[in-house]
Amino acid sequence: MNWLNLEHLLLDALPDRLLTLAPSLDHAQFRDQALGVAAGLQARGITHLAVHLEDAADLAIALFAAWRAGVHVMLPADLQGQTRERWANQVDLWLTDLPGDTHLSDLRAAPLPAAALDLDQCRLSLCTSGSSGEPKLIEKRLRQLANEVCGLEQLWGAELGAACMIGSVATQHIYGLLFRLLWPLCAARPFVRRQLPFAEDLQRASREYPSFAWVASPALLKRMGDNLDWPGLAAVRRVFSSGGALPAEAAHSLQQRLGQWPTEILGSSETGGIAWRQGGQRWQAFDGVELSQDAQGALRISSPYLPPGHVEQTADAALIGAD
């Protein structure tokens, strides 16, 4: 694969680098649209932008446009009234698909010059769900995201090859953002624009590509039953699962039907990826992730996906093996 670092995606236009189908988008079109939207954001004097877009390619254009324009991006988890009210004082503009909000087409202007992005100045804030308390913003620098997608490619890129990334999870959250969007963008690996939360839709999309990988949730994987064409889906290169615990029986069922165990990803908005496993194996930390425990046995994490020098203290009990 022809890897491009995240910070270099707005440099040379590469029309032969296909990003998506239905509708088609190549790298040159992505770059030109992002630079045009960047100009529109600058013309409006926007400094803080909330983005919620269903189409992953549109989200990519918006993200890179904002970063090129020096705009801090926030990805709200949803567009409910209480969410918009909670963050209203922290953003200048809401860029969404909803009537009455600003749309990508409203921001297009004569494009800014191509430029490399600053890994330490480009920022993104992710909103937690608030399931364990009040929702909060988690800030990421582009460097943290770049480190993570490089780590994913080193681990699984050769195996995936040109597989299309097909996801049941939203790109508004860290797992979907990394696996469905930023990673394939860097790897010139095609991706499906829309979130496909139902197994039948995932199957339909998979049939359109000679090779593919799934970016899924446990909720979807445990619902995948006998009604699917499992022999036709056996070409899947890898099945990723994150966003909760995958029941052992669901993992075993997938292994029986596909001939491979799903790859479970442990992580969070705060930490990024922590570890991964397949089947009944032990969790294996991602390269560069260092795990330790406090006096009470709770997990502590040091990682290139965290701010430099930061150690994330969790409340999760852990048993760390010597290997």
Protein backbone atom coordinates (compact mmCIF):
# COMPACT_ATOMS: atom_id res chain seq x y z
CA MET A 1 0.00 0.00 0.00
CA ASN A 2 1.07 3.61 -0.61
CA TRP A 3 1.09 5.02 2.90
CA LEU A 4 0.63 8.76 3.49
CA ASN A 5 1.02 10.20 6.97
CA LEU A 6 -2.02 12.05 8.32
CA GLU A 7 -0.18 15.36 8.26
CA HIS A 8 0.65 14.96 4.54
CA LEU A 9 -2.83 14.15 3.20
CA LEU A 10 -3.39 17.71 1.93
CA LEU A 11 -0.14 17.96 -0.03
CA ASP A 12 0.14 16.52 -3.56
CA ALA A 13 -3.13 15.64 -5.32
CA LEU A 14 -3.29 11.93 -6.20
CA PRO A 15 -6.24 11.24 -8.56
CA ASP A 16 -5.34 7.54 -8.89
CA ARG A 17 -5.75 7.05 -5.13
CA LEU A 18 -9.40 5.95 -4.77
CA LEU A 19 -10.94 6.53 -1.34
CA THR A 20 -14.60 5.62 -1.71
CA LEU A 21 -17.20 4.28 -4.12
CA ALA A 22 -20.94 5.05 -4.27
CA PRO A 23 -20.35 7.92 -4.71
CA SER A 24 -16.78 7.81 -5.91
CA LEU A 25 -14.17 10.05 -4.29
CA ASP A 26 -10.46 10.05 -5.09
CA HIS A 27 -7.66 11.69 -3.13
CA ALA A 28 -7.38 14.69 -5.45
CA GLN A 29 -11.09 15.46 -5.04
CA PHE A 30 -10.87 15.00 -1.27
CA ARG A 31 -7.86 17.32 -1.07
CA ASP A 32 -9.40 20.04 -3.24
CA GLN A 33 -12.70 19.96 -1.36
CA ALA A 34 -10.95 20.09 2.03
CA LEU A 35 -8.82 23.07 0.98
CA GLY A 36 -11.93 24.82 -0.34
CA VAL A 37 -13.86 24.30 2.89
CA ALA A 38 -10.78 25.44 4.83
CA ALA A 39 -10.93 28.73 2.93
CA GLY A 40 -14.63 29.05 3.76
CA LEU A 41 -13.98 28.51 7.46
CA GLN A 42 -11.21 31.11 7.46
CA ALA A 43 -13.42 33.61 5.64
CA ARG A 44 -16.05 33.26 8.37
CA GLY A 45 -13.51 33.62 11.15
CA ILE A 46 -14.40 30.24 12.67
CA THR A 47 -12.09 29.02 15.44
CA HIS A 48 -14.17 26.24 17.06
CA LEU A 49 -16.34 23.93 14.95
CA ALA A 50 -18.77 21.16 15.92
CA VAL A 51 -19.07 18.49 13.23
CA HIS A 52 -21.64 15.69 13.04
CA LEU A 53 -21.90 14.12 9.57
CA GLU A 54 -23.27 10.69 8.66
CA ASP A 55 -21.06 10.33 5.57
CA ALA A 56 -17.50 9.35 6.56
CA ALA A 57 -16.02 11.00 3.46
CA ASP A 58 -17.79 14.26 4.27
CA LEU A 59 -16.46 14.01 7.81
CA ALA A 60 -12.93 13.54 6.45
CA ILE A 61 -13.29 16.65 4.29
CA ALA A 62 -14.59 18.66 7.25
CA LEU A 63 -11.87 17.46 9.64
CA PHE A 64 -8.96 18.15 7.34
CA ALA A 65 -10.46 21.46 6.24
CA ALA A 66 -10.73 22.57 9.85
CA TRP A 67 -7.19 21.50 10.66
CA ARG A 68 -5.83 23.29 7.57
CA ALA A 69 -7.69 26.43 8.66
CA GLY A 70 -6.39 26.24 12.23
CA VAL A 71 -9.84 25.41 13.61
CA HIS A 72 -10.39 23.28 16.73
CA VAL A 73 -12.89 20.52 15.92
CA MET A 74 -15.40 18.94 18.29
CA LEU A 75 -17.21 15.70 17.43
CA PRO A 76 -20.46 15.56 19.44
CA ALA A 77 -21.81 12.07 20.06
CA ASP A 78 -25.28 13.09 18.83
CA LEU A 79 -27.37 16.12 17.91
CA GLN A 80 -29.96 15.96 20.68
CA GLY A 81 -31.10 19.25 22.15
CA GLN A 82 -29.33 18.72 25.46
CA THR A 83 -26.07 17.94 23.64
CA ARG A 84 -26.25 21.12 21.59
CA GLU A 85 -27.13 23.16 24.65
CA ARG A 86 -24.26 21.65 26.67
CA TRP A 87 -21.59 22.61 24.12
CA ALA A 88 -23.20 25.73 22.62
CA ASN A 89 -20.78 28.15 24.27
CA GLN A 90 -17.73 26.19 23.10
CA VAL A 91 -18.30 26.29 19.32
CA ASP A 92 -18.83 29.00 16.70
CA LEU A 93 -20.61 26.82 14.14
CA TRP A 94 -22.45 23.50 13.85
CA LEU A 95 -21.63 21.62 10.64
CA THR A 96 -24.22 18.84 10.22
CA ASP A 97 -26.67 17.23 7.80
CA LEU A 98 -29.68 18.83 9.50
CA PRO A 99 -31.82 21.58 7.98
CA GLY A 100 -31.01 24.94 9.53
CA ASP A 101 -27.38 24.06 10.29
CA THR A 102 -24.40 24.88 8.10
CA HIS A 103 -23.62 22.26 5.44
CA LEU A 104 -20.32 21.50 3.71
CA SER A 105 -21.61 23.03 0.48
CA ASP A 106 -22.17 26.35 2.28
CA LEU A 107 -18.47 26.64 3.10
CA ARG A 108 -16.84 26.02 -0.26
CA ALA A 109 -14.59 28.79 -1.54
CA ALA A 110 -11.45 29.24 -3.62
CA PRO A 111 -9.09 26.71 -2.00
CA LEU A 112 -6.26 27.56 0.36
CA PRO A 113 -2.76 26.49 -0.75
CA ALA A 114 -1.77 22.91 -0.02
CA ALA A 115 0.23 22.53 3.19
CA ALA A 116 1.38 19.96 5.71
CA LEU A 117 -0.58 19.89 8.95
CA ASP A 118 1.04 20.64 12.31
CA LEU A 119 0.87 17.47 14.41
CA ASP A 120 0.87 19.40 17.68
CA GLN A 121 -1.37 22.34 16.75
CA CYS A 122 -4.22 20.44 15.05
CA ARG A 123 -6.74 19.46 17.71
CA LEU A 124 -9.87 17.35 18.00
CA SER A 125 -12.25 17.00 20.95
CA LEU A 126 -14.30 13.83 21.32
CA CYS A 127 -17.40 13.73 23.50
CA THR A 128 -17.83 10.83 25.89
CA SER A 129 -21.29 9.32 26.22
CA GLY A 130 -21.63 10.15 29.88
CA SER A 131 -22.57 6.54 30.68
CA SER A 132 -20.29 6.62 33.73
CA GLY A 133 -21.05 10.20 34.74
CA GLU A 134 -21.43 13.63 33.16
CA PRO A 135 -20.41 13.78 29.46
CA LYS A 136 -17.01 15.38 28.95
CA LEU A 137 -14.66 16.43 26.17
CA ILE A 138 -11.47 14.48 25.49
CA GLU A 139 -8.90 16.49 23.54
CA LYS A 140 -6.61 14.78 21.04
CA ARG A 141 -3.71 16.26 19.12
CA LEU A 142 -3.16 15.10 15.57
CA ARG A 143 0.12 13.52 16.70
CA GLN A 144 -1.75 11.09 18.97
CA LEU A 145 -4.10 10.07 16.15
CA ALA A 146 -1.18 9.74 13.72
CA ASN A 147 0.70 7.51 16.15
CA GLU A 148 -2.32 5.27 16.50
CA VAL A 149 -3.04 4.77 12.80
CA CYS A 150 0.65 4.03 12.17
CA GLY A 151 0.51 1.38 14.89
CA LEU A 152 -2.59 -0.21 13.36
CA GLU A 153 -0.97 -0.35 9.92
CA GLN A 154 2.21 -1.93 11.27
CA LEU A 155 0.16 -4.60 13.02
CA TRP A 156 -2.44 -5.48 10.39
CA GLY A 157 -1.79 -3.50 7.22
CA ALA A 158 0.03 -6.20 5.26
CA GLU A 159 -2.76 -8.70 5.97
CA LEU A 160 -5.55 -6.28 5.01
CA GLY A 161 -3.93 -5.18 1.75
CA ALA A 162 -6.57 -3.40 -0.35
CA ALA A 163 -9.51 -4.66 1.73
CA CYS A 164 -12.42 -2.23 1.94
CA MET A 165 -13.18 -1.10 5.50
CA ILE A 166 -16.90 -1.61 6.21
CA GLY A 167 -18.27 -0.46 9.56
CA SER A 168 -21.32 -0.83 11.77
CA VAL A 169 -20.07 1.86 14.17
CA ALA A 170 -20.20 5.66 13.92
CA THR A 171 -17.18 7.75 13.00
CA GLN A 172 -18.10 10.29 15.70
CA HIS A 173 -16.35 8.08 18.27
CA ILE A 174 -12.67 7.17 18.50
CA TYR A 175 -12.97 3.53 17.37
CA GLY A 176 -14.96 4.30 14.22
CA LEU A 177 -12.96 7.44 13.51
CA LEU A 178 -9.65 5.56 13.55
CA PHE A 179 -10.63 2.24 11.97
CA ARG A 180 -13.26 3.38 9.46
CA LEU A 181 -11.76 6.69 8.39
CA LEU A 182 -8.27 7.87 9.38
CA TRP A 183 -6.50 4.52 9.00
CA PRO A 184 -7.86 3.74 5.50
CA LEU A 185 -7.25 7.35 4.40
CA CYS A 186 -3.55 6.98 5.17
CA ALA A 187 -3.29 3.49 3.68
CA ALA A 188 -5.17 4.21 0.40
CA ARG A 189 -7.59 1.51 1.52
CA PRO A 190 -11.19 2.11 0.35
CA PHE A 191 -13.91 2.63 2.93
CA VAL A 192 -17.71 2.58 2.89
CA ARG A 193 -19.11 6.03 3.56
CA ARG A 194 -22.16 5.05 5.62
CA GLN A 195 -22.47 3.37 8.99
CA LEU A 196 -24.19 -0.02 8.49
CA PRO A 197 -25.71 -1.02 11.84
CA PHE A 198 -27.59 -4.08 10.54
CA ALA A 199 -26.04 -7.41 9.57
CA GLU A 200 -27.96 -7.60 6.29
CA ASP A 201 -26.58 -4.21 5.21
CA LEU A 202 -23.06 -5.27 6.17
CA GLN A 203 -23.47 -8.40 4.05
CA ARG A 204 -24.81 -6.44 1.08
CA ALA A 205 -21.88 -4.01 1.15
CA SER A 206 -19.34 -6.82 1.58
CA ARG A 207 -20.51 -8.49 -1.64
CA GLU A 208 -19.42 -5.42 -3.62
CA TYR A 209 -15.71 -5.87 -2.83
CA PRO A 210 -13.29 -8.73 -3.55
CA SER A 211 -11.76 -8.28 -0.09
CA PHE A 212 -13.06 -6.45 2.95
CA ALA A 213 -12.76 -6.07 6.72
CA TRP A 214 -15.43 -5.30 9.29
CA VAL A 215 -15.26 -2.55 11.91
CA ALA A 216 -18.03 -3.77 14.16
CA SER A 217 -19.53 -3.64 17.63
CA PRO A 218 -20.30 -6.58 19.92
CA ALA A 219 -23.98 -5.62 19.63
CA LEU A 220 -23.92 -6.33 15.89
CA LEU A 221 -21.68 -9.39 15.96
CA LYS A 222 -23.79 -11.25 18.50
CA ARG A 223 -26.89 -10.68 16.32
CA MET A 224 -25.35 -12.23 13.17
CA GLY A 225 -27.33 -15.43 12.62
CA ASP A 226 -28.01 -18.26 10.21
CA ASN A 227 -29.92 -16.02 7.79
CA LEU A 228 -26.64 -14.67 6.37
CA ASP A 229 -24.65 -16.13 3.47
CA TRP A 230 -21.67 -17.19 5.54
CA PRO A 231 -19.74 -18.92 2.71
CA GLY A 232 -19.98 -15.68 0.74
CA LEU A 233 -18.66 -13.70 3.71
CA ALA A 234 -15.66 -15.94 4.36
CA ALA A 235 -13.48 -13.59 2.27
CA VAL A 236 -13.45 -11.14 5.18
CA ARG A 237 -9.80 -10.36 5.99
CA ARG A 238 -10.39 -9.47 9.64
CA VAL A 239 -13.32 -8.78 11.96
CA PHE A 240 -12.66 -6.01 14.47
CA SER A 241 -14.85 -5.60 17.55
CA SER A 242 -14.82 -2.79 20.11
CA GLY A 243 -17.16 -0.69 22.20
CA GLY A 244 -17.97 -3.30 24.82
CA ALA A 245 -17.37 -6.91 25.80
CA LEU A 246 -17.91 -9.51 23.07
CA PRO A 247 -19.67 -12.57 24.52
CA ALA A 248 -17.56 -15.73 24.22
CA GLU A 249 -20.37 -17.57 22.46
CA ALA A 250 -20.59 -14.83 19.80
CA ALA A 251 -16.83 -14.99 19.21
CA HIS A 252 -16.98 -18.79 18.95
CA SER A 253 -19.91 -18.61 16.51
CA LEU A 254 -17.95 -16.27 14.23
CA GLN A 255 -14.92 -18.55 14.38
CA GLN A 256 -17.05 -21.51 13.34
CA ARG A 257 -18.66 -19.63 10.46
CA LEU A 258 -15.71 -17.61 9.15
CA GLY A 259 -12.72 -19.71 10.15
CA GLN A 260 -11.21 -16.88 12.19
CA TRP A 261 -11.67 -15.37 15.62
CA PRO A 262 -12.81 -11.74 15.77
CA THR A 263 -10.13 -9.29 16.88
CA GLU A 264 -11.28 -7.56 20.06
CA ILE A 265 -9.94 -4.07 20.72
CA LEU A 266 -9.72 -2.72 24.27
CA GLY A 267 -9.58 1.06 24.56
CA SER A 268 -11.49 4.25 25.26
CA SER A 269 -11.81 7.85 24.13
CA GLU A 270 -9.37 8.85 26.85
CA THR A 271 -6.70 6.23 26.21
CA GLY A 272 -7.05 5.28 22.57
CA GLY A 273 -6.22 1.64 21.92
CA ILE A 274 -4.81 -0.29 24.89
CA ALA A 275 -4.70 -3.94 23.88
CA TRP A 276 -6.15 -6.57 21.54
CA ARG A 277 -6.87 -10.29 21.55
CA GLN A 278 -8.41 -13.11 19.54
CA GLY A 279 -10.36 -16.03 20.95
CA GLY A 280 -9.40 -16.99 24.47
CA GLN A 281 -5.93 -15.49 24.28
CA ARG A 282 -4.64 -13.01 26.82
CA TRP A 283 -4.92 -9.35 26.00
CA GLN A 284 -1.79 -8.09 24.24
CA ALA A 285 -0.84 -4.43 24.63
CA PHE A 286 -0.32 -2.41 21.47
CA ASP A 287 3.29 -1.55 20.67
CA GLY A 288 4.47 1.35 22.80
CA VAL A 289 1.65 0.98 25.33
CA GLU A 290 3.04 0.39 28.83
CA LEU A 291 0.75 -1.06 31.49
CA SER A 292 1.25 -0.92 35.25
CA GLN A 293 -0.83 -0.95 38.42
CA ASP A 294 -1.34 1.36 41.34
CA ALA A 295 -1.24 0.18 44.96
CA GLN A 296 -4.85 -1.00 44.73
CA GLY A 297 -4.22 -3.05 41.58
CA ALA A 298 -5.97 -0.63 39.21
CA LEU A 299 -4.61 -0.27 35.70
CA ARG A 300 -2.29 2.61 34.75
CA ILE A 301 -1.51 3.33 31.10
CA SER A 302 1.37 5.15 29.42
CA SER A 303 1.03 5.37 25.66
CA PRO A 304 2.02 7.26 22.48
CA TYR A 305 -1.74 7.74 22.05
CA LEU A 306 -1.84 9.91 25.19
CA PRO A 307 -0.36 13.39 25.71
CA PRO A 308 3.43 13.27 26.25
CA GLY A 309 4.31 12.39 29.83
CA HIS A 310 0.71 11.65 30.81
CA VAL A 311 -0.14 8.44 32.66
CA GLU A 312 -3.83 7.52 32.57
CA GLN A 313 -5.10 6.16 35.88
CA THR A 314 -8.15 3.92 35.45
CA ALA A 315 -10.48 2.35 37.98
CA ASP A 316 -10.23 -1.04 36.24
CA ALA A 317 -8.71 -3.96 38.10
CA ALA A 318 -6.01 -5.74 36.09
CA LEU A 319 -3.74 -8.78 36.24
CA ILE A 320 -0.60 -8.16 34.20
CA GLY A 321 1.40 -11.19 33.02
CA ALA A 322 5.18 -11.22 32.73
CA ASP A 323 4.98 -11.62 28.95
